[in-house]
């Protein structure tokens, strides 16, 4: 099901008149802990001919993921400058846990990459939500030091956007001048506000983000309704 729904998302992208300069995948590339699953992912995304920047999710196996993404067009937890924007991917995963945590070394890497870049604007990509989702069960598996992360990116003065996955539902809010965006899954979605695990009937989705050199941006959540 995950394979067929991802194919449907990619077909929708190919059939549209919108084209991306790069693709960001915010984790959970696979679900069955196999190298074969990563090979399938690479076959599908590699056919687009666009750089693909990936960060790990709690269902990923880092060693297999690094091995599979070791050559262009794929990039593992790497940063890229595009125009006057720096896009940074950081690892929020903890082995053996569904919830996330940003280690001190990873936060320091984020700080240093922002400081070293001449870009005036930054988009940070991670897997776990740094904010509460209003769901009892999802809020037990979010980013446990989300407040620390939000404070770090606010202090930089350059971060305009932070995007995450993990929760299989949309999120869009401003937090002290930083726009926080959560993008639903390319497969099934989790019911919003649920006390326990539950899925809803929303279709697969992806998000289009357009970054402008003056620090402005547009974004559109695309649901596969047809």
N, C-alpha and C. Protein backbone atom coordinates (compact mmCIF):
# COMPACT_ATOMS: atom_id res chain seq x y z
N UNK A 1 0.82 -1.21 0.00
CA UNK A 1 0.00 0.00 0.00
C UNK A 1 0.86 1.26 0.00
N UNK A 2 1.93 1.28 0.82
CA UNK A 2 2.79 2.47 0.86
C UNK A 2 3.46 2.70 -0.49
N UNK A 3 3.87 1.60 -1.15
CA UNK A 3 4.52 1.71 -2.46
C UNK A 3 3.56 2.27 -3.49
N UNK A 4 2.34 1.74 -3.54
CA UNK A 4 1.38 2.17 -4.55
C UNK A 4 0.94 3.61 -4.31
N UNK A 5 0.80 4.01 -3.05
CA UNK A 5 0.38 5.39 -2.78
C UNK A 5 1.49 6.38 -3.12
N UNK A 6 2.75 6.01 -2.86
CA UNK A 6 3.86 6.88 -3.27
C UNK A 6 3.90 7.01 -4.78
N UNK A 7 3.66 5.90 -5.49
CA UNK A 7 3.60 5.97 -6.95
C UNK A 7 2.51 6.93 -7.40
N UNK A 8 1.36 6.91 -6.71
CA UNK A 8 0.26 7.81 -7.06
C UNK A 8 0.65 9.27 -6.84
N UNK A 9 1.38 9.54 -5.75
CA UNK A 9 1.86 10.90 -5.49
C UNK A 9 2.81 11.35 -6.60
N UNK A 10 3.72 10.49 -6.98
CA UNK A 10 4.68 10.85 -8.02
C UNK A 10 4.00 11.02 -9.37
N UNK A 11 2.99 10.19 -9.64
CA UNK A 11 2.23 10.36 -10.89
C UNK A 11 1.52 11.71 -10.90
N UNK A 12 0.97 12.09 -9.75
CA UNK A 12 0.29 13.38 -9.66
C UNK A 12 1.28 14.51 -9.93
N UNK A 13 2.48 14.41 -9.35
CA UNK A 13 3.51 15.42 -9.59
C UNK A 13 3.87 15.48 -11.08
N UNK A 14 4.10 14.32 -11.69
CA UNK A 14 4.49 14.30 -13.11
C UNK A 14 3.39 14.87 -14.00
N UNK A 15 2.13 14.65 -13.61
CA UNK A 15 1.01 15.11 -14.43
C UNK A 15 0.69 16.59 -14.23
N UNK A 16 1.29 17.19 -13.20
CA UNK A 16 1.04 18.60 -12.93
C UNK A 16 1.98 19.47 -13.76
N UNK A 17 1.72 20.79 -13.71
CA UNK A 17 2.61 21.72 -14.42
C UNK A 17 3.58 22.40 -13.46
N UNK A 18 3.73 21.86 -12.24
CA UNK A 18 4.63 22.43 -11.23
C UNK A 18 5.87 21.56 -11.13
N UNK A 19 7.05 22.18 -11.15
CA UNK A 19 8.30 21.43 -11.09
C UNK A 19 9.18 21.94 -9.97
N UNK A 20 9.79 21.03 -9.24
CA UNK A 20 10.64 21.35 -8.10
C UNK A 20 12.10 21.40 -8.50
N UNK A 21 12.87 22.27 -7.85
CA UNK A 21 14.32 22.29 -8.02
C UNK A 21 14.98 21.22 -7.18
N UNK A 22 14.34 20.87 -6.06
CA UNK A 22 14.82 19.78 -5.22
C UNK A 22 13.66 19.22 -4.42
N UNK A 23 13.86 18.01 -3.90
CA UNK A 23 12.85 17.31 -3.11
C UNK A 23 13.40 17.09 -1.72
N UNK A 24 12.58 17.35 -0.70
CA UNK A 24 12.94 17.07 0.69
C UNK A 24 12.02 15.98 1.22
N UNK A 25 12.60 14.93 1.76
CA UNK A 25 11.84 13.82 2.35
C UNK A 25 12.14 13.82 3.84
N UNK A 26 11.10 14.06 4.66
CA UNK A 26 11.31 14.24 6.10
C UNK A 26 11.17 12.95 6.89
N UNK A 27 11.78 11.89 6.40
CA UNK A 27 11.90 10.66 7.18
C UNK A 27 10.85 9.61 6.90
N UNK A 28 11.10 8.41 7.46
CA UNK A 28 10.26 7.24 7.24
C UNK A 28 10.18 6.90 5.76
N UNK A 29 11.36 6.74 5.16
CA UNK A 29 11.43 6.34 3.76
C UNK A 29 10.92 4.92 3.58
N UNK A 30 11.10 4.09 4.61
CA UNK A 30 10.69 2.69 4.54
C UNK A 30 9.92 2.33 5.81
N UNK A 31 9.40 1.08 5.82
CA UNK A 31 8.69 0.59 7.01
C UNK A 31 9.10 -0.82 7.40
N UNK A 32 9.77 -1.55 6.49
CA UNK A 32 10.04 -2.97 6.77
C UNK A 32 11.52 -3.29 7.02
N UNK A 33 12.34 -2.28 7.31
CA UNK A 33 13.73 -2.48 7.74
C UNK A 33 14.59 -3.26 6.73
N UNK A 34 14.35 -3.08 5.46
CA UNK A 34 15.11 -3.84 4.47
C UNK A 34 15.83 -2.93 3.48
N UNK A 35 16.96 -3.39 2.98
CA UNK A 35 17.66 -2.64 1.95
C UNK A 35 16.83 -2.62 0.66
N UNK A 36 16.07 -3.67 0.43
CA UNK A 36 15.24 -3.73 -0.77
C UNK A 36 14.23 -2.58 -0.79
N UNK A 37 13.70 -2.26 0.38
CA UNK A 37 12.74 -1.16 0.45
C UNK A 37 13.41 0.16 0.06
N UNK A 38 14.66 0.37 0.52
CA UNK A 38 15.39 1.58 0.13
C UNK A 38 15.68 1.59 -1.37
N UNK A 39 15.97 0.42 -1.92
CA UNK A 39 16.21 0.35 -3.36
C UNK A 39 14.96 0.75 -4.14
N UNK A 40 13.78 0.29 -3.67
CA UNK A 40 12.53 0.69 -4.32
C UNK A 40 12.35 2.21 -4.25
N UNK A 41 12.62 2.77 -3.07
CA UNK A 41 12.51 4.22 -2.90
C UNK A 41 13.43 4.94 -3.89
N UNK A 42 14.67 4.50 -3.98
CA UNK A 42 15.64 5.15 -4.87
C UNK A 42 15.24 5.02 -6.33
N UNK A 43 14.68 3.89 -6.70
CA UNK A 43 14.22 3.72 -8.08
C UNK A 43 13.12 4.73 -8.42
N UNK A 44 12.18 4.88 -7.50
CA UNK A 44 11.05 5.78 -7.75
C UNK A 44 11.49 7.24 -7.75
N UNK A 45 12.20 7.67 -6.72
CA UNK A 45 12.58 9.09 -6.62
C UNK A 45 13.71 9.44 -7.58
N UNK A 46 14.60 8.49 -7.84
CA UNK A 46 15.71 8.75 -8.74
C UNK A 46 15.26 9.01 -10.17
N UNK A 47 14.09 8.48 -10.53
CA UNK A 47 13.60 8.65 -11.90
C UNK A 47 13.14 10.07 -12.20
N UNK A 48 12.97 10.90 -11.15
CA UNK A 48 12.49 12.26 -11.36
C UNK A 48 13.58 13.15 -11.95
N UNK A 49 14.85 12.85 -11.63
CA UNK A 49 15.94 13.66 -12.15
C UNK A 49 16.17 14.94 -11.38
N UNK A 50 15.78 14.95 -10.11
CA UNK A 50 15.90 16.12 -9.24
C UNK A 50 16.65 15.74 -7.98
N UNK A 51 17.53 16.58 -7.42
CA UNK A 51 18.20 16.24 -6.15
C UNK A 51 17.18 15.93 -5.05
N UNK A 52 17.47 14.88 -4.28
CA UNK A 52 16.56 14.42 -3.22
C UNK A 52 17.31 14.46 -1.89
N UNK A 53 16.86 15.32 -0.99
CA UNK A 53 17.48 15.48 0.33
C UNK A 53 16.62 14.77 1.37
N UNK A 54 17.23 13.82 2.07
CA UNK A 54 16.50 12.95 2.98
C UNK A 54 17.05 13.04 4.40
N UNK A 55 16.15 12.99 5.37
CA UNK A 55 16.54 12.89 6.77
C UNK A 55 15.87 11.64 7.34
N UNK A 56 16.45 11.01 8.36
CA UNK A 56 15.88 9.77 8.88
C UNK A 56 14.65 10.01 9.74
N UNK A 57 13.75 9.02 9.71
CA UNK A 57 12.61 8.97 10.61
C UNK A 57 12.75 7.79 11.53
N UNK A 58 11.82 7.64 12.46
CA UNK A 58 11.94 6.57 13.45
C UNK A 58 11.79 5.18 12.84
N UNK A 59 11.20 5.08 11.63
CA UNK A 59 11.10 3.77 10.97
C UNK A 59 12.30 3.47 10.07
N UNK A 60 13.19 4.43 9.93
CA UNK A 60 14.36 4.19 9.08
C UNK A 60 15.46 3.46 9.84
N UNK A 61 16.33 2.81 9.08
CA UNK A 61 17.53 2.16 9.61
C UNK A 61 18.71 2.96 9.09
N UNK A 62 19.35 3.71 9.97
CA UNK A 62 20.34 4.69 9.51
C UNK A 62 21.43 4.06 8.65
N UNK A 63 21.98 2.92 9.06
CA UNK A 63 23.08 2.31 8.31
C UNK A 63 22.65 1.96 6.89
N UNK A 64 21.47 1.36 6.75
CA UNK A 64 20.96 1.01 5.42
C UNK A 64 20.63 2.26 4.62
N UNK A 65 20.10 3.24 5.30
CA UNK A 65 19.70 4.48 4.63
C UNK A 65 20.91 5.21 4.08
N UNK A 66 21.97 5.35 4.89
CA UNK A 66 23.19 6.00 4.43
C UNK A 66 23.78 5.28 3.22
N UNK A 67 23.78 3.95 3.30
CA UNK A 67 24.34 3.14 2.22
C UNK A 67 23.55 3.33 0.93
N UNK A 68 22.23 3.36 1.04
CA UNK A 68 21.38 3.49 -0.14
C UNK A 68 21.45 4.87 -0.76
N UNK A 69 21.70 5.88 0.07
CA UNK A 69 21.68 7.27 -0.41
C UNK A 69 23.09 7.84 -0.55
N UNK A 70 24.03 7.01 -0.94
CA UNK A 70 25.44 7.43 -0.93
C UNK A 70 25.89 8.10 -2.22
N UNK A 71 24.98 8.32 -3.16
CA UNK A 71 25.38 8.94 -4.43
C UNK A 71 24.23 9.79 -4.96
N UNK A 72 24.59 10.83 -5.75
CA UNK A 72 23.55 11.69 -6.34
C UNK A 72 22.57 10.84 -7.16
N UNK A 73 21.30 11.25 -7.20
CA UNK A 73 20.77 12.54 -6.76
C UNK A 73 20.39 12.59 -5.27
N UNK A 74 20.81 11.56 -4.51
CA UNK A 74 20.36 11.47 -3.11
C UNK A 74 21.38 12.07 -2.15
N UNK A 75 20.86 12.64 -1.05
CA UNK A 75 21.69 13.27 -0.03
C UNK A 75 21.11 12.91 1.34
N UNK A 76 21.97 12.48 2.24
CA UNK A 76 21.55 12.07 3.58
C UNK A 76 21.92 13.15 4.60
N UNK A 77 20.92 13.75 5.21
CA UNK A 77 21.13 14.75 6.28
C UNK A 77 22.14 15.82 5.86
N UNK A 78 22.04 16.27 4.64
CA UNK A 78 22.95 17.29 4.14
C UNK A 78 22.23 18.64 4.01
N UNK A 79 23.01 19.67 3.89
CA UNK A 79 22.48 21.01 3.69
C UNK A 79 22.75 21.44 2.26
N UNK A 80 21.96 22.41 1.81
CA UNK A 80 22.15 22.93 0.46
C UNK A 80 21.75 24.39 0.45
N UNK A 81 22.50 25.19 -0.32
CA UNK A 81 22.14 26.59 -0.51
C UNK A 81 21.43 26.73 -1.85
N UNK A 82 20.31 27.43 -1.81
CA UNK A 82 19.52 27.67 -3.01
C UNK A 82 19.12 29.13 -3.03
N UNK A 83 19.71 29.90 -3.94
CA UNK A 83 19.47 31.32 -3.93
C UNK A 83 19.99 31.93 -2.64
N UNK A 84 19.14 32.69 -1.96
CA UNK A 84 19.55 33.26 -0.67
C UNK A 84 18.97 32.46 0.49
N UNK A 85 18.76 31.16 0.26
CA UNK A 85 18.24 30.26 1.28
C UNK A 85 19.24 29.15 1.58
N UNK A 86 19.32 28.79 2.86
CA UNK A 86 20.02 27.59 3.29
C UNK A 86 18.98 26.60 3.77
N UNK A 87 19.02 25.40 3.23
CA UNK A 87 18.11 24.33 3.65
C UNK A 87 18.94 23.31 4.43
N UNK A 88 18.59 23.09 5.69
CA UNK A 88 19.36 22.22 6.58
C UNK A 88 18.51 21.03 7.02
N UNK A 89 19.04 19.83 6.86
CA UNK A 89 18.37 18.64 7.36
C UNK A 89 19.06 18.16 8.63
N UNK A 90 18.29 17.92 9.70
CA UNK A 90 18.86 17.46 10.96
C UNK A 90 18.17 16.18 11.42
N UNK A 91 18.91 15.40 12.20
CA UNK A 91 18.48 14.08 12.65
C UNK A 91 17.88 14.19 14.05
N UNK A 92 16.57 13.96 14.16
CA UNK A 92 15.88 14.03 15.46
C UNK A 92 15.55 12.65 16.02
N UNK A 93 16.09 11.60 15.41
CA UNK A 93 15.69 10.24 15.80
C UNK A 93 16.54 9.68 16.94
N UNK A 94 15.92 8.79 17.71
CA UNK A 94 16.57 8.08 18.80
C UNK A 94 16.37 6.59 18.55
N UNK A 95 17.45 5.84 18.47
CA UNK A 95 17.34 4.41 18.17
C UNK A 95 16.44 3.70 19.17
N UNK A 96 15.50 2.92 18.64
CA UNK A 96 14.62 2.14 19.48
C UNK A 96 13.44 2.90 20.06
N UNK A 97 13.29 4.17 19.68
CA UNK A 97 12.19 4.98 20.20
C UNK A 97 11.39 5.62 19.08
N UNK A 98 10.08 5.70 19.26
CA UNK A 98 9.25 6.38 18.27
C UNK A 98 9.38 7.89 18.40
N UNK A 99 9.57 8.38 19.63
CA UNK A 99 9.73 9.80 19.86
C UNK A 99 11.11 10.29 19.49
N UNK A 100 11.26 11.60 19.44
CA UNK A 100 12.52 12.17 18.99
C UNK A 100 13.21 13.04 20.02
N UNK A 101 14.50 13.28 19.78
CA UNK A 101 15.32 14.14 20.62
C UNK A 101 16.47 14.66 19.77
N UNK A 102 16.76 15.95 19.89
CA UNK A 102 17.91 16.52 19.20
C UNK A 102 19.09 16.56 20.15
N UNK A 103 20.10 15.76 19.84
CA UNK A 103 21.29 15.71 20.68
C UNK A 103 22.06 17.03 20.59
N UNK A 104 22.87 17.27 21.60
CA UNK A 104 23.65 18.51 21.65
C UNK A 104 24.53 18.67 20.41
N UNK A 105 25.13 17.57 19.94
CA UNK A 105 25.98 17.65 18.75
C UNK A 105 25.19 18.06 17.52
N UNK A 106 23.96 17.58 17.43
CA UNK A 106 23.15 17.91 16.25
C UNK A 106 22.68 19.36 16.31
N UNK A 107 22.34 19.84 17.48
CA UNK A 107 21.99 21.25 17.62
C UNK A 107 23.20 22.14 17.33
N UNK A 108 24.38 21.71 17.77
CA UNK A 108 25.59 22.47 17.49
C UNK A 108 25.88 22.49 15.99
N UNK A 109 25.65 21.37 15.32
CA UNK A 109 25.84 21.33 13.87
C UNK A 109 24.89 22.29 13.17
N UNK A 110 23.64 22.33 13.63
CA UNK A 110 22.68 23.27 13.06
C UNK A 110 23.17 24.70 13.23
N UNK A 111 23.61 25.03 14.44
CA UNK A 111 24.12 26.39 14.69
C UNK A 111 25.29 26.72 13.77
N UNK A 112 26.22 25.78 13.64
CA UNK A 112 27.43 26.06 12.86
C UNK A 112 27.13 26.18 11.38
N UNK A 113 26.21 25.38 10.87
CA UNK A 113 25.87 25.47 9.44
C UNK A 113 25.18 26.79 9.14
N UNK A 114 24.32 27.24 10.04
CA UNK A 114 23.67 28.53 9.84
C UNK A 114 24.70 29.66 9.90
N UNK A 115 25.60 29.59 10.88
CA UNK A 115 26.61 30.63 11.04
C UNK A 115 27.58 30.68 9.86
N UNK A 116 27.88 29.51 9.28
CA UNK A 116 28.85 29.45 8.19
C UNK A 116 28.28 29.87 6.85
N UNK A 117 26.96 29.90 6.74
CA UNK A 117 26.33 30.21 5.45
C UNK A 117 26.15 31.71 5.28
N UNK A 118 26.30 32.16 4.04
CA UNK A 118 26.05 33.56 3.73
C UNK A 118 24.59 33.82 3.41
N UNK A 119 23.79 32.75 3.37
CA UNK A 119 22.37 32.90 3.05
C UNK A 119 21.66 33.68 4.15
N UNK A 120 20.73 34.52 3.77
CA UNK A 120 20.00 35.34 4.72
C UNK A 120 18.80 34.61 5.33
N UNK A 121 18.37 33.53 4.68
CA UNK A 121 17.16 32.83 5.09
C UNK A 121 17.43 31.34 5.21
N UNK A 122 16.78 30.71 6.18
CA UNK A 122 17.03 29.30 6.47
C UNK A 122 15.72 28.55 6.59
N UNK A 123 15.69 27.35 6.03
CA UNK A 123 14.61 26.38 6.25
C UNK A 123 15.23 25.14 6.90
N UNK A 124 14.70 24.74 8.04
CA UNK A 124 15.21 23.57 8.76
C UNK A 124 14.22 22.43 8.60
N UNK A 125 14.74 21.24 8.29
CA UNK A 125 13.91 20.06 8.06
C UNK A 125 14.26 18.99 9.10
N UNK A 126 13.24 18.46 9.76
CA UNK A 126 13.44 17.39 10.73
C UNK A 126 12.23 16.47 10.69
N UNK A 127 12.34 15.32 11.36
CA UNK A 127 11.24 14.35 11.30
C UNK A 127 10.17 14.61 12.34
N UNK A 128 10.56 14.85 13.58
CA UNK A 128 9.61 14.94 14.67
C UNK A 128 9.08 16.37 14.86
N UNK A 129 7.81 16.50 15.23
CA UNK A 129 7.26 17.84 15.45
C UNK A 129 7.83 18.49 16.70
N UNK A 130 8.28 19.73 16.60
CA UNK A 130 8.81 20.44 17.77
C UNK A 130 7.72 21.12 18.58
N UNK A 131 6.48 20.92 18.19
CA UNK A 131 5.33 21.55 18.84
C UNK A 131 4.30 20.49 19.18
N UNK A 132 3.41 20.79 20.14
CA UNK A 132 2.34 19.87 20.50
C UNK A 132 1.30 19.81 19.38
N UNK A 133 0.77 18.60 19.14
CA UNK A 133 -0.20 18.40 18.08
C UNK A 133 -1.63 18.35 18.60
N UNK A 134 -1.81 18.42 19.92
CA UNK A 134 -3.16 18.33 20.47
C UNK A 134 -3.74 16.95 20.40
N UNK A 135 -2.89 15.94 20.38
CA UNK A 135 -3.30 14.53 20.34
C UNK A 135 -2.54 13.81 21.44
N UNK A 136 -3.27 13.17 22.36
CA UNK A 136 -2.60 12.57 23.52
C UNK A 136 -1.53 11.58 23.11
N UNK A 137 -1.83 10.71 22.15
CA UNK A 137 -0.84 9.69 21.81
C UNK A 137 0.28 10.25 20.95
N UNK A 138 -0.01 11.15 20.03
CA UNK A 138 1.06 11.72 19.20
C UNK A 138 1.99 12.61 20.01
N UNK A 139 1.44 13.28 21.02
CA UNK A 139 2.28 14.17 21.82
C UNK A 139 3.21 13.41 22.76
N UNK A 140 3.06 12.09 22.85
CA UNK A 140 4.03 11.28 23.60
C UNK A 140 5.20 10.84 22.72
N UNK A 141 5.08 11.04 21.41
CA UNK A 141 6.14 10.59 20.49
C UNK A 141 6.65 11.75 19.62
N UNK A 142 6.53 12.97 20.13
CA UNK A 142 7.05 14.13 19.41
C UNK A 142 8.51 14.37 19.76
N UNK A 143 8.96 15.59 19.57
CA UNK A 143 10.34 15.97 19.89
C UNK A 143 10.37 16.41 21.35
N UNK A 144 11.09 15.66 22.19
CA UNK A 144 11.01 15.94 23.63
C UNK A 144 11.76 17.20 24.05
N UNK A 145 12.62 17.73 23.20
CA UNK A 145 13.25 19.03 23.50
C UNK A 145 12.89 20.05 22.41
N UNK A 146 11.61 20.02 22.03
CA UNK A 146 11.13 20.95 21.01
C UNK A 146 11.29 22.41 21.40
N UNK A 147 11.07 22.73 22.69
CA UNK A 147 11.23 24.11 23.13
C UNK A 147 12.66 24.59 22.95
N UNK A 148 13.61 23.71 23.23
CA UNK A 148 15.02 24.07 23.05
C UNK A 148 15.32 24.32 21.58
N UNK A 149 14.80 23.47 20.71
CA UNK A 149 14.99 23.64 19.27
C UNK A 149 14.40 24.97 18.80
N UNK A 150 13.17 25.27 19.23
CA UNK A 150 12.53 26.52 18.80
C UNK A 150 13.29 27.73 19.28
N UNK A 151 13.85 27.67 20.48
CA UNK A 151 14.64 28.79 21.00
C UNK A 151 15.92 28.97 20.19
N UNK A 152 16.57 27.86 19.83
CA UNK A 152 17.82 27.94 19.05
C UNK A 152 17.57 28.58 17.69
N UNK A 153 16.51 28.16 17.01
CA UNK A 153 16.30 28.69 15.67
C UNK A 153 15.82 30.14 15.73
N UNK A 154 15.14 30.52 16.81
CA UNK A 154 14.72 31.91 16.95
C UNK A 154 15.93 32.82 17.15
N UNK A 155 16.89 32.37 17.95
CA UNK A 155 18.07 33.17 18.27
C UNK A 155 18.89 33.46 17.02
N UNK A 156 18.93 32.52 16.07
CA UNK A 156 19.73 32.72 14.86
C UNK A 156 19.27 33.94 14.08
N UNK A 157 17.99 34.24 14.12
CA UNK A 157 17.46 35.38 13.38
C UNK A 157 17.32 35.14 11.89
N UNK A 158 17.70 33.95 11.41
CA UNK A 158 17.64 33.66 9.98
C UNK A 158 16.59 32.63 9.60
N UNK A 159 16.16 31.83 10.56
CA UNK A 159 15.26 30.73 10.23
C UNK A 159 13.85 31.26 9.98
N UNK A 160 13.36 31.01 8.78
CA UNK A 160 12.00 31.43 8.40
C UNK A 160 11.02 30.27 8.46
N UNK A 161 11.51 29.06 8.16
CA UNK A 161 10.64 27.90 8.07
C UNK A 161 11.26 26.71 8.79
N UNK A 162 10.42 25.89 9.42
CA UNK A 162 10.83 24.57 9.92
C UNK A 162 9.75 23.59 9.49
N UNK A 163 10.15 22.50 8.85
CA UNK A 163 9.16 21.54 8.35
C UNK A 163 9.43 20.17 8.95
N UNK A 164 8.36 19.42 9.19
CA UNK A 164 8.49 18.10 9.80
C UNK A 164 7.46 17.13 9.20
N UNK A 165 7.62 15.84 9.52
CA UNK A 165 6.68 14.81 9.09
C UNK A 165 6.11 14.08 10.30
N UNK A 166 6.28 12.76 10.33
CA UNK A 166 6.03 11.89 11.49
C UNK A 166 4.56 11.72 11.88
N UNK A 167 3.80 12.80 11.93
CA UNK A 167 2.47 12.72 12.53
C UNK A 167 1.34 12.47 11.52
N UNK A 168 1.67 12.34 10.25
CA UNK A 168 0.69 11.94 9.23
C UNK A 168 -0.56 12.84 9.26
N UNK A 169 -0.35 14.15 9.37
CA UNK A 169 -1.44 15.11 9.36
C UNK A 169 -0.86 16.50 9.13
N UNK A 170 -1.70 17.45 8.68
CA UNK A 170 -1.18 18.79 8.40
C UNK A 170 -1.01 19.62 9.66
N UNK A 171 -0.06 20.54 9.59
CA UNK A 171 0.14 21.52 10.65
C UNK A 171 0.69 22.78 10.00
N UNK A 172 0.21 23.94 10.44
CA UNK A 172 0.67 25.20 9.87
C UNK A 172 0.43 26.29 10.91
N UNK A 173 1.49 26.81 11.51
CA UNK A 173 1.35 27.86 12.51
C UNK A 173 2.64 28.65 12.59
N UNK A 174 2.52 29.88 13.06
CA UNK A 174 3.67 30.74 13.29
C UNK A 174 4.08 30.67 14.75
N UNK A 175 5.38 30.45 14.99
CA UNK A 175 5.91 30.40 16.35
C UNK A 175 7.02 31.43 16.48
N UNK A 176 6.67 32.59 17.03
CA UNK A 176 7.63 33.66 17.26
C UNK A 176 8.42 34.00 16.00
N UNK A 177 7.70 34.13 14.91
CA UNK A 177 8.31 34.56 13.66
C UNK A 177 8.82 33.45 12.77
N UNK A 178 8.74 32.21 13.23
CA UNK A 178 9.15 31.06 12.41
C UNK A 178 7.90 30.27 12.03
N UNK A 179 7.72 30.02 10.75
CA UNK A 179 6.58 29.24 10.29
C UNK A 179 6.91 27.76 10.46
N UNK A 180 6.03 27.04 11.14
CA UNK A 180 6.21 25.61 11.37
C UNK A 180 5.19 24.87 10.52
N UNK A 181 5.66 23.98 9.65
CA UNK A 181 4.80 23.24 8.74
C UNK A 181 4.96 21.75 8.93
N UNK A 182 3.84 21.06 9.10
CA UNK A 182 3.83 19.60 9.09
C UNK A 182 3.11 19.13 7.85
N UNK A 183 3.67 18.15 7.17
CA UNK A 183 3.09 17.65 5.93
C UNK A 183 2.56 16.24 6.12
N UNK A 184 1.35 15.96 5.68
CA UNK A 184 0.80 14.61 5.81
C UNK A 184 1.62 13.58 5.04
N UNK A 185 1.29 12.33 5.25
CA UNK A 185 2.00 11.21 4.64
C UNK A 185 1.62 11.04 3.17
N UNK A 186 2.53 10.42 2.43
CA UNK A 186 2.19 9.99 1.07
C UNK A 186 1.37 8.71 1.09
N UNK A 187 0.99 8.25 2.30
CA UNK A 187 0.13 7.08 2.43
C UNK A 187 -1.07 7.43 3.32
N UNK A 188 -1.30 6.69 4.41
CA UNK A 188 -2.45 6.92 5.29
C UNK A 188 -2.17 8.07 6.27
N UNK A 189 -3.28 8.70 6.73
CA UNK A 189 -3.17 9.82 7.66
C UNK A 189 -3.73 9.46 9.04
N UNK A 190 -3.14 10.04 10.08
CA UNK A 190 -3.62 9.84 11.44
C UNK A 190 -4.72 10.85 11.75
N UNK A 191 -5.72 10.40 12.51
CA UNK A 191 -6.83 11.28 12.88
C UNK A 191 -6.34 12.40 13.80
N UNK A 192 -6.72 13.61 13.48
CA UNK A 192 -6.28 14.77 14.27
C UNK A 192 -7.02 14.82 15.61
N UNK A 193 -6.28 15.17 16.66
CA UNK A 193 -6.87 15.32 17.98
C UNK A 193 -7.25 14.03 18.67
N UNK A 194 -6.78 12.90 18.15
CA UNK A 194 -7.19 11.61 18.72
C UNK A 194 -6.42 11.30 20.01
N UNK A 195 -7.12 10.73 21.00
CA UNK A 195 -6.46 10.32 22.24
C UNK A 195 -5.63 9.06 22.04
N UNK A 196 -6.03 8.19 21.13
CA UNK A 196 -5.34 6.94 20.85
C UNK A 196 -5.09 6.83 19.35
N UNK A 197 -4.29 5.83 18.98
CA UNK A 197 -3.98 5.64 17.56
C UNK A 197 -5.26 5.49 16.75
N UNK A 198 -5.36 6.29 15.69
CA UNK A 198 -6.51 6.21 14.80
C UNK A 198 -6.15 6.84 13.47
N UNK A 199 -6.67 6.29 12.39
CA UNK A 199 -6.46 6.86 11.06
C UNK A 199 -7.76 7.48 10.57
N UNK A 200 -7.64 8.41 9.63
CA UNK A 200 -8.83 9.01 9.05
C UNK A 200 -8.91 8.65 7.57
N UNK A 201 -9.83 9.28 6.88
CA UNK A 201 -10.06 8.93 5.48
C UNK A 201 -9.40 9.89 4.51
N UNK A 202 -8.56 10.79 5.02
CA UNK A 202 -7.88 11.71 4.11
C UNK A 202 -6.93 10.97 3.19
N UNK A 203 -6.77 11.44 1.96
CA UNK A 203 -5.92 10.76 0.98
C UNK A 203 -4.44 11.10 1.18
N UNK A 204 -3.56 10.47 0.42
CA UNK A 204 -2.14 10.84 0.44
C UNK A 204 -1.96 12.31 0.06
N UNK A 205 -0.80 12.87 0.45
CA UNK A 205 -0.57 14.29 0.18
C UNK A 205 0.92 14.57 0.05
N UNK A 206 1.24 15.74 -0.50
CA UNK A 206 2.60 16.28 -0.49
C UNK A 206 2.49 17.79 -0.47
N UNK A 207 3.60 18.46 -0.21
CA UNK A 207 3.56 19.92 -0.10
C UNK A 207 4.53 20.55 -1.10
N UNK A 208 4.06 21.60 -1.75
CA UNK A 208 4.89 22.39 -2.63
C UNK A 208 5.32 23.65 -1.89
N UNK A 209 6.60 23.93 -1.88
CA UNK A 209 7.12 25.12 -1.21
C UNK A 209 7.97 25.91 -2.20
N UNK A 210 7.68 27.18 -2.34
CA UNK A 210 8.46 28.06 -3.22
C UNK A 210 9.16 29.10 -2.36
N UNK A 211 10.48 29.09 -2.39
CA UNK A 211 11.30 30.01 -1.60
C UNK A 211 11.75 31.18 -2.47
N UNK A 212 11.55 32.39 -1.99
CA UNK A 212 11.93 33.58 -2.75
C UNK A 212 13.17 34.22 -2.14
N UNK A 213 13.92 34.90 -2.96
CA UNK A 213 15.21 35.43 -2.53
C UNK A 213 15.08 36.52 -1.46
N UNK A 214 13.91 37.13 -1.35
CA UNK A 214 13.74 38.18 -0.35
C UNK A 214 13.30 37.64 1.01
N UNK A 215 13.26 36.31 1.16
CA UNK A 215 12.88 35.70 2.42
C UNK A 215 11.43 35.31 2.51
N UNK A 216 10.64 35.73 1.53
CA UNK A 216 9.24 35.31 1.49
C UNK A 216 9.14 33.91 0.90
N UNK A 217 7.98 33.33 1.01
CA UNK A 217 7.78 31.96 0.52
C UNK A 217 6.28 31.74 0.32
N UNK A 218 5.97 30.78 -0.52
CA UNK A 218 4.61 30.29 -0.68
C UNK A 218 4.62 28.78 -0.47
N UNK A 219 3.53 28.25 0.05
CA UNK A 219 3.44 26.80 0.17
C UNK A 219 2.01 26.36 -0.08
N UNK A 220 1.87 25.17 -0.60
CA UNK A 220 0.57 24.62 -0.93
C UNK A 220 0.55 23.14 -0.57
N UNK A 221 -0.46 22.75 0.19
CA UNK A 221 -0.64 21.35 0.54
C UNK A 221 -1.52 20.71 -0.53
N UNK A 222 -1.00 19.66 -1.16
CA UNK A 222 -1.70 19.02 -2.28
C UNK A 222 -2.22 17.65 -1.82
N UNK A 223 -3.53 17.50 -1.81
CA UNK A 223 -4.17 16.23 -1.47
C UNK A 223 -4.52 15.49 -2.76
N UNK A 224 -4.30 14.20 -2.79
CA UNK A 224 -4.63 13.41 -3.97
C UNK A 224 -6.10 13.01 -3.91
N UNK A 225 -6.93 13.94 -4.30
CA UNK A 225 -8.38 13.71 -4.20
C UNK A 225 -8.97 13.05 -5.44
N UNK A 226 -8.14 12.94 -6.46
CA UNK A 226 -8.63 12.29 -7.69
C UNK A 226 -7.72 11.14 -8.06
